[in-house]
Amino acid sequence: MNHNFWLNELGTLEAGILSDLHQHWVEKPEFKPHAGADSLLALVRRLCALPEAYALMLSGASDEDVLRTAQGDQDAHTPEALAKYLQVGLLAFRSAFLRLPEIDMKTRELRNALGEPKTAVALTMELINRMHALRAELGLYLKLA
């Protein structure tokens, strides 16, 4: 398995999300497309929090720490603060990912506070899929706001 493949995928996704953070959502952070939906700001916070939450899973952190982190930094309100939060989380994820022995990447299952236990490769794929899904949802919010 090639670590670079996964890291490149995350890098491409990061660039797109950083671009999205500078969209007009800042003008309407509390916009919700329907009752019961997250606000734009809450959605962006959750998106930016995912990498750090998955880094904690790769590092063996408690479910409570992972779930708390997955809610996002409640103090981050600006595109700059959210971009920094995303970048720090991705750096933590890359570091945790690269620390895992190659043999463990596909064979050893890790606890997953957000679902069933999975290997590091499966968790990485799940992270990328969740980030793409939240980014797509953000795109819809931006069109409606």
C-alpha atoms as a PDB file:
ATOM      1  CA  MET A   1       0.000   0.000   0.000  1.00  0.00           C
ATOM      2  CA  ASN A   2       1.173   3.466  -0.783  1.00  0.00           C
ATOM      3  CA  HIS A   3       0.881   5.990   2.041  1.00  0.00           C
ATOM      4  CA  ASN A   4       1.358   8.781  -0.483  1.00  0.00           C
ATOM      5  CA  PHE A   5      -1.868   7.894  -2.291  1.00  0.00           C
ATOM      6  CA  TRP A   6      -3.953   8.541   0.822  1.00  0.00           C
ATOM      7  CA  LEU A   7      -2.012  11.645   1.782  1.00  0.00           C
ATOM      8  CA  ASN A   8      -2.387  13.057  -1.740  1.00  0.00           C
ATOM      9  CA  GLU A   9      -6.145  12.425  -1.622  1.00  0.00           C
ATOM     10  CA  LEU A  10      -6.349  14.311   1.657  1.00  0.00           C
ATOM     11  CA  GLY A  11      -4.216  17.133   0.264  1.00  0.00           C
ATOM     12  CA  THR A  12      -6.501  17.587  -2.733  1.00  0.00           C
ATOM     13  CA  LEU A  13      -9.556  17.579  -0.495  1.00  0.00           C
ATOM     14  CA  GLU A  14      -7.906  20.050   1.890  1.00  0.00           C
ATOM     15  CA  ALA A  15      -7.232  22.517  -0.937  1.00  0.00           C
ATOM     16  CA  GLY A  16     -10.861  22.406  -2.034  1.00  0.00           C
ATOM     17  CA  ILE A  17     -12.210  22.867   1.469  1.00  0.00           C
ATOM     18  CA  LEU A  18      -9.860  25.781   2.162  1.00  0.00           C
ATOM     19  CA  SER A  19     -11.228  27.440  -0.965  1.00  0.00           C
ATOM     20  CA  ASP A  20     -14.800  26.768   0.200  1.00  0.00           C
ATOM     21  CA  LEU A  21     -14.101  28.391   3.570  1.00  0.00           C
ATOM     22  CA  HIS A  22     -13.786  31.758   1.877  1.00  0.00           C
ATOM     23  CA  GLN A  23     -17.249  31.609   0.290  1.00  0.00           C
ATOM     24  CA  HIS A  24     -20.078  33.913   1.339  1.00  0.00           C
ATOM     25  CA  TRP A  25     -21.227  31.658   4.212  1.00  0.00           C
ATOM     26  CA  VAL A  26     -19.633  34.105   6.662  1.00  0.00           C
ATOM     27  CA  GLU A  27     -22.448  36.562   5.910  1.00  0.00           C
ATOM     28  CA  LYS A  28     -25.098  34.025   7.013  1.00  0.00           C
ATOM     29  CA  PRO A  29     -23.464  31.666   9.528  1.00  0.00           C
ATOM     30  CA  GLU A  30     -26.797  30.756  11.148  1.00  0.00           C
ATOM     31  CA  PHE A  31     -28.524  29.889   7.841  1.00  0.00           C
ATOM     32  CA  LYS A  32     -30.364  26.549   7.914  1.00  0.00           C
ATOM     33  CA  PRO A  33     -31.965  25.092   4.773  1.00  0.00           C
ATOM     34  CA  HIS A  34     -34.771  23.547   6.850  1.00  0.00           C
ATOM     35  CA  ALA A  35     -35.915  23.105  10.431  1.00  0.00           C
ATOM     36  CA  GLY A  36     -33.695  20.680  12.305  1.00  0.00           C
ATOM     37  CA  ALA A  37     -30.705  21.151   9.989  1.00  0.00           C
ATOM     38  CA  ASP A  38     -27.303  22.275  11.201  1.00  0.00           C
ATOM     39  CA  SER A  39     -26.440  25.915  10.653  1.00  0.00           C
ATOM     40  CA  LEU A  40     -23.834  26.745   8.035  1.00  0.00           C
ATOM     41  CA  LEU A  41     -21.311  27.489  10.771  1.00  0.00           C
ATOM     42  CA  ALA A  42     -22.029  24.208  12.599  1.00  0.00           C
ATOM     43  CA  LEU A  43     -21.637  22.273   9.340  1.00  0.00           C
ATOM     44  CA  VAL A  44     -18.310  23.956   8.571  1.00  0.00           C
ATOM     45  CA  ARG A  45     -17.093  23.278  12.117  1.00  0.00           C
ATOM     46  CA  ARG A  46     -17.955  19.573  11.832  1.00  0.00           C
ATOM     47  CA  LEU A  47     -16.206  19.347   8.476  1.00  0.00           C
ATOM     48  CA  CYS A  48     -13.058  20.988   9.833  1.00  0.00           C
ATOM     49  CA  ALA A  49     -13.121  18.774  12.956  1.00  0.00           C
ATOM     50  CA  LEU A  50     -13.176  15.404  11.182  1.00  0.00           C
ATOM     51  CA  PRO A  51      -9.420  15.038  10.539  1.00  0.00           C
ATOM     52  CA  GLU A  52      -8.519  15.606  14.187  1.00  0.00           C
ATOM     53  CA  ALA A  53     -11.234  13.187  15.340  1.00  0.00           C
ATOM     54  CA  TYR A  54      -9.865  10.485  13.033  1.00  0.00           C
ATOM     55  CA  ALA A  55      -6.305  11.269  14.153  1.00  0.00           C
ATOM     56  CA  LEU A  56      -7.435  10.582  17.709  1.00  0.00           C
ATOM     57  CA  MET A  57      -8.925   7.248  16.623  1.00  0.00           C
ATOM     58  CA  LEU A  58      -5.676   6.244  14.903  1.00  0.00           C
ATOM     59  CA  SER A  59      -3.822   7.190  18.084  1.00  0.00           C
ATOM     60  CA  GLY A  60      -6.111   5.134  20.335  1.00  0.00           C
ATOM     61  CA  ALA A  61      -7.834   8.014  22.149  1.00  0.00           C
ATOM     62  CA  SER A  62     -10.999   7.454  24.164  1.00  0.00           C
ATOM     63  CA  ASP A  63     -14.390   7.499  22.470  1.00  0.00           C
ATOM     64  CA  GLU A  64     -15.332  10.526  24.587  1.00  0.00           C
ATOM     65  CA  ASP A  65     -12.353  12.525  23.287  1.00  0.00           C
ATOM     66  CA  VAL A  66     -13.120  11.539  19.695  1.00  0.00           C
ATOM     67  CA  LEU A  67     -16.813  12.429  19.958  1.00  0.00           C
ATOM     68  CA  ARG A  68     -16.088  15.753  21.675  1.00  0.00           C
ATOM     69  CA  THR A  69     -13.557  16.649  18.982  1.00  0.00           C
ATOM     70  CA  ALA A  70     -15.925  15.614  16.174  1.00  0.00           C
ATOM     71  CA  GLN A  71     -18.360  18.352  17.263  1.00  0.00           C
ATOM     72  CA  GLY A  72     -15.894  21.031  16.188  1.00  0.00           C
ATOM     73  CA  ASP A  73     -14.211  23.969  17.859  1.00  0.00           C
ATOM     74  CA  GLN A  74     -17.057  26.117  19.179  1.00  0.00           C
ATOM     75  CA  ASP A  75     -14.724  29.142  19.357  1.00  0.00           C
ATOM     76  CA  ALA A  76     -13.876  29.049  15.644  1.00  0.00           C
ATOM     77  CA  HIS A  77     -16.056  31.613  13.854  1.00  0.00           C
ATOM     78  CA  THR A  78     -13.924  33.022  11.054  1.00  0.00           C
ATOM     79  CA  PRO A  79     -12.668  31.440   7.837  1.00  0.00           C
ATOM     80  CA  GLU A  80      -9.110  31.907   9.078  1.00  0.00           C
ATOM     81  CA  ALA A  81      -9.751  30.174  12.416  1.00  0.00           C
ATOM     82  CA  LEU A  82     -11.594  27.322  10.709  1.00  0.00           C
ATOM     83  CA  ALA A  83      -8.859  26.944   8.094  1.00  0.00           C
ATOM     84  CA  LYS A  84      -6.265  26.718  10.859  1.00  0.00           C
ATOM     85  CA  TYR A  85      -8.419  24.155  12.701  1.00  0.00           C
ATOM     86  CA  LEU A  86      -8.704  22.051   9.531  1.00  0.00           C
ATOM     87  CA  GLN A  87      -4.975  22.279   8.788  1.00  0.00           C
ATOM     88  CA  VAL A  88      -3.941  21.384  12.343  1.00  0.00           C
ATOM     89  CA  GLY A  89      -6.329  18.419  12.284  1.00  0.00           C
ATOM     90  CA  LEU A  90      -4.988  17.196   8.947  1.00  0.00           C
ATOM     91  CA  LEU A  91      -1.435  17.536  10.215  1.00  0.00           C
ATOM     92  CA  ALA A  92      -2.367  15.455  13.277  1.00  0.00           C
ATOM     93  CA  PHE A  93      -4.047  12.862  11.054  1.00  0.00           C
ATOM     94  CA  ARG A  94      -1.066  12.622   8.705  1.00  0.00           C
ATOM     95  CA  SER A  95       1.272  12.235  11.659  1.00  0.00           C
ATOM     96  CA  ALA A  96      -0.849   9.500  13.277  1.00  0.00           C
ATOM     97  CA  PHE A  97      -1.258   7.748   9.919  1.00  0.00           C
ATOM     98  CA  LEU A  98       2.466   7.726   9.189  1.00  0.00           C
ATOM     99  CA  ARG A  99       3.296   6.376  12.662  1.00  0.00           C
ATOM    100  CA  LEU A 100       1.360   3.166  12.034  1.00  0.00           C
ATOM    101  CA  PRO A 101       3.445   0.218  10.835  1.00  0.00           C
ATOM    102  CA  GLU A 102       2.742  -0.752   7.225  1.00  0.00           C
ATOM    103  CA  ILE A 103       1.647  -4.256   8.237  1.00  0.00           C
ATOM    104  CA  ASP A 104      -1.009  -2.855  10.604  1.00  0.00           C
ATOM    105  CA  MET A 105      -2.583  -0.565   8.017  1.00  0.00           C
ATOM    106  CA  LYS A 106      -4.744  -3.272   6.447  1.00  0.00           C
ATOM    107  CA  THR A 107      -4.889  -5.915   9.161  1.00  0.00           C
ATOM    108  CA  ARG A 108      -5.245  -4.507  12.684  1.00  0.00           C
ATOM    109  CA  GLU A 109      -8.672  -3.136  13.521  1.00  0.00           C
ATOM    110  CA  LEU A 110      -8.895   0.062  15.543  1.00  0.00           C
ATOM    111  CA  ARG A 111     -11.762   1.318  17.676  1.00  0.00           C
ATOM    112  CA  ASN A 112     -14.044   3.649  15.779  1.00  0.00           C
ATOM    113  CA  ALA A 113     -16.089   5.987  17.965  1.00  0.00           C
ATOM    114  CA  LEU A 114     -18.148   6.960  14.913  1.00  0.00           C
ATOM    115  CA  GLY A 115     -18.981   3.410  13.808  1.00  0.00           C
ATOM    116  CA  GLU A 116     -17.701  -0.166  13.667  1.00  0.00           C
ATOM    117  CA  PRO A 117     -14.015  -1.040  14.319  1.00  0.00           C
ATOM    118  CA  LYS A 118     -11.956  -0.715  11.141  1.00  0.00           C
ATOM    119  CA  THR A 119      -8.403  -0.932   9.880  1.00  0.00           C
ATOM    120  CA  ALA A 120      -6.395   2.270   9.407  1.00  0.00           C
ATOM    121  CA  VAL A 121      -6.933   2.052   5.642  1.00  0.00           C
ATOM    122  CA  ALA A 122     -10.695   1.690   6.131  1.00  0.00           C
ATOM    123  CA  LEU A 123     -10.732   4.609   8.602  1.00  0.00           C
ATOM    124  CA  THR A 124      -8.816   6.748   6.124  1.00  0.00           C
ATOM    125  CA  MET A 125     -11.316   5.902   3.394  1.00  0.00           C
ATOM    126  CA  GLU A 126     -14.164   6.678   5.796  1.00  0.00           C
ATOM    127  CA  LEU A 127     -12.594  10.050   6.667  1.00  0.00           C
ATOM    128  CA  ILE A 128     -12.229  10.965   2.995  1.00  0.00           C
ATOM    129  CA  ASN A 129     -15.809   9.861   2.241  1.00  0.00           C
ATOM    130  CA  ARG A 130     -17.246  11.804   5.190  1.00  0.00           C
ATOM    131  CA  MET A 131     -15.289  14.908   4.242  1.00  0.00           C
ATOM    132  CA  HIS A 132     -16.516  14.673   0.638  1.00  0.00           C
ATOM    133  CA  ALA A 133     -20.111  14.207   1.844  1.00  0.00           C
ATOM    134  CA  LEU A 134     -19.962  17.204   4.193  1.00  0.00           C
ATOM    135  CA  ARG A 135     -18.281  19.292   1.508  1.00  0.00           C
ATOM    136  CA  ALA A 136     -21.092  18.402  -0.924  1.00  0.00           C
ATOM    137  CA  GLU A 137     -23.650  19.339   1.738  1.00  0.00           C
ATOM    138  CA  LEU A 138     -21.803  22.624   2.261  1.00  0.00           C
ATOM    139  CA  GLY A 139     -22.034  23.271  -1.487  1.00  0.00           C
ATOM    140  CA  LEU A 140     -25.815  22.856  -1.348  1.00  0.00           C
ATOM    141  CA  TYR A 141     -26.061  25.155   1.669  1.00  0.00           C
ATOM    142  CA  LEU A 142     -24.030  27.815  -0.154  1.00  0.00           C
ATOM    143  CA  LYS A 143     -26.339  27.655  -3.170  1.00  0.00           C
ATOM    144  CA  LEU A 144     -29.405  28.056  -0.957  1.00  0.00           C
ATOM    145  CA  ALA A 145     -28.082  30.766   1.377  1.00  0.00           C
END
